[in-house]
Amino acid sequence: MLRIVQITLLCFVLAAGISISAVIAENESIDEILLANGLPLGLFPKGVKGFTVNGETGRFSVYLNQSCQAKYETELHYDEIVSGTIGYAQIRDLSGISAQELFLWLQVKGIRVDVPSSGLIFFDVGVLRKQYSLSLFETPRDCVAVRGDAEFIGENKVQSSMLPLYQVDQTLGRN
């Protein structure tokens, strides 16, 4: 019986600790929110002009100056607005970030730091999980403006480059 009471008390203390750490103050900076949730400061590039966060649900939006690309181990594309739900060591329901894999741009659906001491961060891009070194995201990167968002397949947009149609002279060489 004593063992059951101890386990129940331990569960209560853990649940209270988790719910307290999940509370986000409305006046915190984005850096404070990322650090409080066990996430690196460099997840978002330089050029953040504002953000909103719901302290109860963890739902957030980050507003950048413009759509841009930042170079980490591979290229990451950031839309002008990035949104998702932040929790301890993870962001889920993410939209507005795409990762380049070979010649494809894949929509990042979530970000997770499994065990901070492992030094790894995982990007969920649907069928794949891209693994990066956590040290790549220690500080915000410069973000270079892109000419347009049409090339990013993660947003179901494909850039078309059609060659002009020329009429062929079929009488050529028939003398």
Protein backbone atom coordinates (compact mmCIF):
# COMPACT_ATOMS: atom_id res chain seq x y z
CA MET A 1 0.00 0.00 0.00
CA LEU A 2 2.83 2.36 0.87
CA ARG A 3 4.41 1.61 -2.51
CA ILE A 4 1.20 2.63 -4.35
CA VAL A 5 1.04 5.93 -2.44
CA GLN A 6 4.70 6.65 -3.28
CA ILE A 7 4.16 5.92 -6.99
CA THR A 8 1.00 8.06 -7.06
CA LEU A 9 2.81 10.93 -5.34
CA LEU A 10 5.73 10.63 -7.78
CA CYS A 11 3.36 10.71 -10.77
CA PHE A 12 1.63 13.79 -9.36
CA VAL A 13 4.92 15.62 -8.83
CA LEU A 14 6.13 14.76 -12.36
CA ALA A 15 2.83 15.84 -13.93
CA ALA A 16 2.89 19.12 -12.02
CA GLY A 17 6.48 19.77 -13.09
CA ILE A 18 5.69 19.11 -16.75
CA SER A 19 2.61 21.32 -16.74
CA ILE A 20 4.51 24.16 -15.04
CA SER A 21 7.34 24.00 -17.59
CA ALA A 22 4.82 24.00 -20.43
CA VAL A 23 3.33 27.31 -19.30
CA ILE A 24 4.65 30.09 -21.46
CA ALA A 25 4.51 33.68 -20.36
CA GLU A 26 3.07 36.00 -22.98
CA ASN A 27 5.87 38.56 -22.47
CA GLU A 28 8.85 36.23 -22.94
CA SER A 29 11.20 36.61 -25.89
CA ILE A 30 11.41 33.90 -28.51
CA ASP A 31 14.89 32.99 -27.24
CA GLU A 32 13.56 32.51 -23.70
CA ILE A 33 10.70 30.34 -24.96
CA LEU A 34 13.01 28.14 -27.05
CA LEU A 35 15.47 27.69 -24.16
CA ALA A 36 12.71 27.01 -21.61
CA ASN A 37 11.45 24.25 -23.90
CA GLY A 38 14.84 22.62 -24.42
CA LEU A 39 15.23 23.84 -28.00
CA PRO A 40 18.24 25.62 -29.54
CA LEU A 41 18.23 29.36 -30.24
CA GLY A 42 19.13 28.94 -33.90
CA LEU A 43 15.97 27.16 -35.04
CA PHE A 44 14.78 30.41 -36.54
CA PRO A 45 17.08 32.58 -38.65
CA LYS A 46 18.05 36.19 -38.15
CA GLY A 47 15.35 38.56 -39.33
CA VAL A 48 12.53 37.63 -36.93
CA LYS A 49 10.42 40.77 -36.74
CA GLY A 50 7.84 39.40 -34.32
CA PHE A 51 6.10 36.39 -32.88
CA THR A 52 2.97 35.37 -31.05
CA VAL A 53 2.43 32.45 -28.73
CA ASN A 54 -0.56 31.06 -26.87
CA GLY A 55 0.67 30.25 -23.37
CA GLU A 56 -2.03 27.63 -22.80
CA THR A 57 -1.79 25.61 -26.03
CA GLY A 58 1.79 26.36 -27.11
CA ARG A 59 0.57 27.39 -30.56
CA PHE A 60 2.92 30.00 -32.05
CA SER A 61 3.63 32.05 -35.16
CA VAL A 62 7.00 33.56 -36.06
CA TYR A 63 7.07 36.48 -38.49
CA LEU A 64 10.16 37.01 -40.65
CA ASN A 65 11.07 40.06 -42.73
CA GLN A 66 10.70 37.93 -45.89
CA SER A 67 10.88 34.37 -47.18
CA CYS A 68 14.49 33.27 -47.10
CA GLN A 69 16.98 30.41 -47.09
CA ALA A 70 19.57 29.62 -44.45
CA LYS A 71 22.52 27.26 -44.85
CA TYR A 72 23.02 24.67 -42.16
CA GLU A 73 24.22 21.19 -43.11
CA THR A 74 21.74 21.55 -45.97
CA GLU A 75 19.55 24.46 -47.05
CA LEU A 76 16.41 25.33 -45.09
CA HIS A 77 13.71 27.52 -46.59
CA TYR A 78 11.66 29.70 -44.24
CA ASP A 79 8.35 31.21 -45.31
CA GLU A 80 7.53 34.71 -44.16
CA ILE A 81 5.31 33.15 -41.46
CA VAL A 82 6.31 29.97 -39.60
CA SER A 83 3.80 28.39 -37.23
CA GLY A 84 3.45 25.30 -35.07
CA THR A 85 2.89 24.04 -31.55
CA ILE A 86 5.80 24.15 -29.14
CA GLY A 87 6.28 21.66 -26.32
CA TYR A 88 9.24 20.48 -24.32
CA ALA A 89 12.05 19.50 -26.73
CA GLN A 90 9.72 19.50 -29.74
CA ILE A 91 7.71 21.50 -32.23
CA ARG A 92 4.81 19.73 -33.93
CA ASP A 93 2.19 20.72 -36.52
CA LEU A 94 4.89 22.86 -38.11
CA SER A 95 4.34 24.84 -41.29
CA GLY A 96 6.55 27.32 -43.07
CA ILE A 97 9.89 25.46 -43.10
CA SER A 98 11.17 23.24 -45.93
CA ALA A 99 14.40 21.23 -46.02
CA GLN A 100 16.34 20.45 -49.16
CA GLU A 101 17.07 16.78 -49.84
CA LEU A 102 19.07 16.31 -53.04
CA PHE A 103 17.00 18.33 -55.54
CA LEU A 104 13.69 18.23 -53.64
CA TRP A 105 12.28 20.59 -51.05
CA LEU A 106 10.40 18.68 -48.35
CA GLN A 107 7.99 20.29 -45.89
CA VAL A 108 9.24 20.02 -42.29
CA LYS A 109 6.31 18.80 -40.18
CA GLY A 110 8.03 18.68 -36.81
CA ILE A 111 11.30 19.19 -34.94
CA ARG A 112 12.44 17.12 -31.97
CA VAL A 113 15.43 17.02 -29.65
CA ASP A 114 15.41 13.43 -28.41
CA VAL A 115 18.00 13.54 -25.65
CA PRO A 116 19.81 16.88 -25.31
CA SER A 117 23.03 15.15 -24.26
CA SER A 118 23.03 13.17 -27.54
CA GLY A 119 23.76 16.36 -29.47
CA LEU A 120 21.18 15.48 -32.14
CA ILE A 121 18.09 17.22 -33.47
CA PHE A 122 15.55 15.53 -35.77
CA PHE A 123 13.46 17.15 -38.50
CA ASP A 124 10.36 15.19 -39.50
CA VAL A 125 9.81 15.60 -43.23
CA GLY A 126 7.02 13.08 -43.65
CA VAL A 127 8.52 9.80 -44.79
CA LEU A 128 12.00 10.73 -43.54
CA ARG A 129 13.57 12.01 -40.37
CA LYS A 130 16.57 14.18 -41.08
CA GLN A 131 19.14 14.11 -38.32
CA TYR A 132 21.39 17.12 -37.69
CA SER A 133 23.99 18.03 -35.12
CA LEU A 134 22.41 20.18 -32.42
CA SER A 135 25.47 22.45 -32.52
CA LEU A 136 24.42 23.67 -36.01
CA PHE A 137 21.45 25.41 -34.39
CA GLU A 138 23.20 27.11 -31.45
CA THR A 139 22.92 30.59 -32.97
CA PRO A 140 20.52 32.07 -35.55
CA ARG A 141 21.89 31.99 -39.10
CA ASP A 142 21.82 34.66 -41.76
CA CYS A 143 18.89 34.15 -44.05
CA VAL A 144 19.19 35.09 -47.72
CA ALA A 145 16.09 36.35 -49.51
CA VAL A 146 14.80 34.08 -52.28
CA ARG A 147 13.50 35.27 -55.65
CA GLY A 148 10.13 33.57 -55.23
CA ASP A 149 8.41 30.68 -53.53
CA ALA A 150 7.30 28.96 -56.74
CA GLU A 151 10.09 26.40 -56.69
CA PHE A 152 9.25 24.84 -53.33
CA ILE A 153 7.43 21.56 -53.77
CA GLY A 154 6.66 21.49 -50.03
CA GLU A 155 4.04 24.11 -50.83
CA ASN A 156 2.77 22.19 -53.88
CA LYS A 157 4.22 24.76 -56.24
CA VAL A 158 6.48 23.85 -59.12
CA GLN A 159 8.42 26.31 -61.23
CA SER A 160 7.87 25.70 -64.92
CA SER A 161 10.61 26.42 -67.40
CA MET A 162 9.28 25.74 -70.89
CA LEU A 163 11.37 26.27 -73.95
CA PRO A 164 9.90 28.47 -76.65
CA LEU A 165 8.24 26.58 -79.48
CA TYR A 166 9.86 27.04 -82.87
CA GLN A 167 8.33 26.06 -86.18
CA VAL A 168 10.58 23.76 -88.15
CA ASP A 169 11.07 24.45 -91.87
CA GLN A 170 10.38 21.02 -93.37
CA THR A 171 11.37 22.06 -96.89
CA LEU A 172 14.96 22.50 -95.85
CA GLY A 173 17.26 20.10 -97.69
CA ARG A 174 14.61 18.80 -100.14
CA ASN A 175 15.94 20.14 -103.43
